Amino acid sequence: MSSAGLANAILSQAGGAKNVVSIDYCATRLRLTLHDDSKVDLKHLRSMEEVVAAVFRSGQLQII
């Protein structure tokens, strides 16, 4: 999957771009602060080949 395709897939499973308050990243994680955590489809995120793990920590959705 292309980088743009992966970004769109992650945004979609995170409840859409309007659900995102902020995005931060480091070498191993993508951190999303969201308006409504209940809109996240963790099961689908975790099933994506490019995603090692997806968890809620410190008020953020963290994708590894």
N, C-alpha and C. Protein backbone atom coordinates (compact mmCIF):
# COMPACT_ATOMS: atom_id res chain seq x y z
N MET A 1 0.84 -1.17 0.00
CA MET A 1 0.00 0.00 0.00
C MET A 1 0.90 1.24 0.00
N SER A 2 0.51 2.24 -0.73
CA SER A 2 1.29 3.48 -0.78
C SER A 2 1.16 4.23 0.55
N SER A 3 2.05 5.17 0.77
CA SER A 3 2.00 5.98 2.00
C SER A 3 0.68 6.74 2.10
N ALA A 4 0.25 7.31 0.98
CA ALA A 4 -1.02 8.06 0.98
C ALA A 4 -2.19 7.13 1.23
N GLY A 5 -2.15 5.93 0.67
CA GLY A 5 -3.21 4.96 0.89
C GLY A 5 -3.27 4.52 2.34
N LEU A 6 -2.11 4.30 2.94
CA LEU A 6 -2.04 3.91 4.35
C LEU A 6 -2.57 5.03 5.24
N ALA A 7 -2.17 6.25 4.96
CA ALA A 7 -2.64 7.41 5.74
C ALA A 7 -4.16 7.52 5.66
N ASN A 8 -4.72 7.38 4.48
CA ASN A 8 -6.17 7.46 4.31
C ASN A 8 -6.88 6.32 5.03
N ALA A 9 -6.31 5.12 4.98
CA ALA A 9 -6.91 3.98 5.66
C ALA A 9 -6.91 4.18 7.18
N ILE A 10 -5.81 4.68 7.72
CA ILE A 10 -5.72 4.94 9.15
C ILE A 10 -6.71 6.02 9.56
N LEU A 11 -6.77 7.11 8.80
CA LEU A 11 -7.73 8.18 9.12
C LEU A 11 -9.16 7.66 9.10
N SER A 12 -9.47 6.85 8.13
CA SER A 12 -10.81 6.29 8.02
C SER A 12 -11.16 5.46 9.25
N GLN A 13 -10.24 4.63 9.71
CA GLN A 13 -10.49 3.77 10.86
C GLN A 13 -10.43 4.53 12.18
N ALA A 14 -9.90 5.75 12.15
CA ALA A 14 -9.84 6.60 13.35
C ALA A 14 -11.06 7.51 13.45
N GLY A 15 -12.06 7.29 12.61
CA GLY A 15 -13.27 8.08 12.67
C GLY A 15 -13.30 9.25 11.71
N GLY A 16 -12.34 9.30 10.80
CA GLY A 16 -12.31 10.37 9.80
C GLY A 16 -11.48 11.56 10.25
N ALA A 17 -11.11 12.37 9.29
CA ALA A 17 -10.24 13.52 9.56
C ALA A 17 -10.87 14.50 10.55
N LYS A 18 -12.19 14.64 10.53
CA LYS A 18 -12.86 15.58 11.45
C LYS A 18 -12.81 15.11 12.90
N ASN A 19 -12.50 13.83 13.12
CA ASN A 19 -12.39 13.31 14.48
C ASN A 19 -11.00 13.53 15.07
N VAL A 20 -10.04 13.95 14.26
CA VAL A 20 -8.66 14.12 14.71
C VAL A 20 -8.42 15.53 15.23
N VAL A 21 -7.94 15.62 16.47
CA VAL A 21 -7.58 16.90 17.06
C VAL A 21 -6.15 17.25 16.68
N SER A 22 -5.24 16.27 16.86
CA SER A 22 -3.84 16.49 16.52
C SER A 22 -3.17 15.17 16.19
N ILE A 23 -2.06 15.26 15.47
CA ILE A 23 -1.26 14.10 15.10
C ILE A 23 0.19 14.39 15.46
N ASP A 24 0.83 13.41 16.06
CA ASP A 24 2.25 13.49 16.38
C ASP A 24 2.87 12.16 15.99
N TYR A 25 4.16 12.14 15.81
CA TYR A 25 4.82 10.89 15.42
C TYR A 25 6.25 10.88 15.92
N CYS A 26 6.79 9.68 15.98
CA CYS A 26 8.21 9.49 16.25
C CYS A 26 8.66 8.34 15.36
N ALA A 27 9.80 7.80 15.60
CA ALA A 27 10.35 6.76 14.74
C ALA A 27 9.48 5.50 14.72
N THR A 28 8.77 5.22 15.81
CA THR A 28 8.02 3.97 15.90
C THR A 28 6.52 4.11 16.03
N ARG A 29 6.02 5.30 16.32
CA ARG A 29 4.59 5.46 16.60
C ARG A 29 3.97 6.66 15.90
N LEU A 30 2.71 6.47 15.57
CA LEU A 30 1.86 7.55 15.12
C LEU A 30 0.88 7.79 16.26
N ARG A 31 0.79 9.01 16.76
CA ARG A 31 -0.06 9.33 17.90
C ARG A 31 -1.16 10.29 17.46
N LEU A 32 -2.39 9.87 17.65
CA LEU A 32 -3.53 10.70 17.28
C LEU A 32 -4.34 11.05 18.52
N THR A 33 -4.58 12.33 18.73
CA THR A 33 -5.49 12.78 19.76
C THR A 33 -6.82 13.00 19.06
N LEU A 34 -7.88 12.41 19.60
CA LEU A 34 -9.17 12.38 18.92
C LEU A 34 -10.26 13.08 19.72
N HIS A 35 -11.29 13.54 19.01
CA HIS A 35 -12.47 14.10 19.67
C HIS A 35 -13.27 12.99 20.34
N ASP A 36 -13.46 11.87 19.64
CA ASP A 36 -14.32 10.78 20.12
C ASP A 36 -13.65 9.44 19.88
N ASP A 37 -13.11 8.85 20.94
CA ASP A 37 -12.40 7.57 20.84
C ASP A 37 -13.32 6.43 20.40
N SER A 38 -14.62 6.56 20.64
CA SER A 38 -15.55 5.48 20.31
C SER A 38 -15.71 5.29 18.79
N LYS A 39 -15.26 6.24 18.00
CA LYS A 39 -15.36 6.13 16.54
C LYS A 39 -14.24 5.30 15.93
N VAL A 40 -13.27 4.89 16.74
CA VAL A 40 -12.11 4.14 16.25
C VAL A 40 -12.47 2.67 16.09
N ASP A 41 -12.07 2.09 14.97
CA ASP A 41 -12.24 0.66 14.72
C ASP A 41 -10.90 -0.03 14.99
N LEU A 42 -10.63 -0.30 16.27
CA LEU A 42 -9.36 -0.92 16.66
C LEU A 42 -9.16 -2.28 16.01
N LYS A 43 -10.23 -3.05 15.90
CA LYS A 43 -10.12 -4.39 15.31
C LYS A 43 -9.60 -4.29 13.88
N HIS A 44 -10.14 -3.37 13.12
CA HIS A 44 -9.70 -3.22 11.74
C HIS A 44 -8.27 -2.67 11.67
N LEU A 45 -7.96 -1.69 12.50
CA LEU A 45 -6.60 -1.14 12.53
C LEU A 45 -5.58 -2.23 12.83
N ARG A 46 -5.87 -3.05 13.83
CA ARG A 46 -4.95 -4.11 14.23
C ARG A 46 -4.80 -5.19 13.16
N SER A 47 -5.80 -5.33 12.31
CA SER A 47 -5.74 -6.35 11.26
C SER A 47 -4.98 -5.89 10.02
N MET A 48 -4.66 -4.61 9.95
CA MET A 48 -3.93 -4.09 8.78
C MET A 48 -2.50 -4.62 8.77
N GLU A 49 -2.04 -5.06 7.62
CA GLU A 49 -0.71 -5.65 7.49
C GLU A 49 0.40 -4.68 7.94
N GLU A 50 0.23 -3.41 7.70
CA GLU A 50 1.26 -2.41 8.02
C GLU A 50 1.27 -2.01 9.49
N VAL A 51 0.26 -2.38 10.24
CA VAL A 51 0.13 -1.99 11.65
C VAL A 51 0.58 -3.14 12.54
N VAL A 52 1.55 -2.87 13.40
CA VAL A 52 2.04 -3.87 14.35
C VAL A 52 1.10 -3.93 15.56
N ALA A 53 0.65 -2.76 16.04
CA ALA A 53 -0.26 -2.68 17.18
C ALA A 53 -0.98 -1.34 17.14
N ALA A 54 -2.14 -1.32 17.77
CA ALA A 54 -2.90 -0.08 17.92
C ALA A 54 -3.51 -0.10 19.32
N VAL A 55 -3.19 0.93 20.12
CA VAL A 55 -3.63 0.97 21.51
C VAL A 55 -3.98 2.40 21.91
N PHE A 56 -4.78 2.52 22.96
CA PHE A 56 -5.03 3.83 23.57
C PHE A 56 -4.11 3.95 24.77
N ARG A 57 -3.29 5.00 24.79
CA ARG A 57 -2.38 5.28 25.90
C ARG A 57 -2.30 6.80 26.08
N SER A 58 -2.32 7.22 27.30
CA SER A 58 -2.14 8.64 27.63
C SER A 58 -3.09 9.54 26.85
N GLY A 59 -4.32 9.10 26.67
CA GLY A 59 -5.32 9.91 25.98
C GLY A 59 -5.14 9.98 24.47
N GLN A 60 -4.32 9.11 23.91
CA GLN A 60 -4.05 9.12 22.48
C GLN A 60 -4.24 7.73 21.89
N LEU A 61 -4.59 7.69 20.62
CA LEU A 61 -4.55 6.46 19.86
C LEU A 61 -3.12 6.34 19.34
N GLN A 62 -2.43 5.29 19.74
CA GLN A 62 -1.05 5.08 19.30
C GLN A 62 -1.01 3.90 18.35
N ILE A 63 -0.45 4.14 17.18
CA ILE A 63 -0.35 3.10 16.15
C ILE A 63 1.13 2.82 15.91
N ILE A 64 1.48 1.55 16.03
CA ILE A 64 2.87 1.13 15.85
C ILE A 64 2.96 0.37 14.55
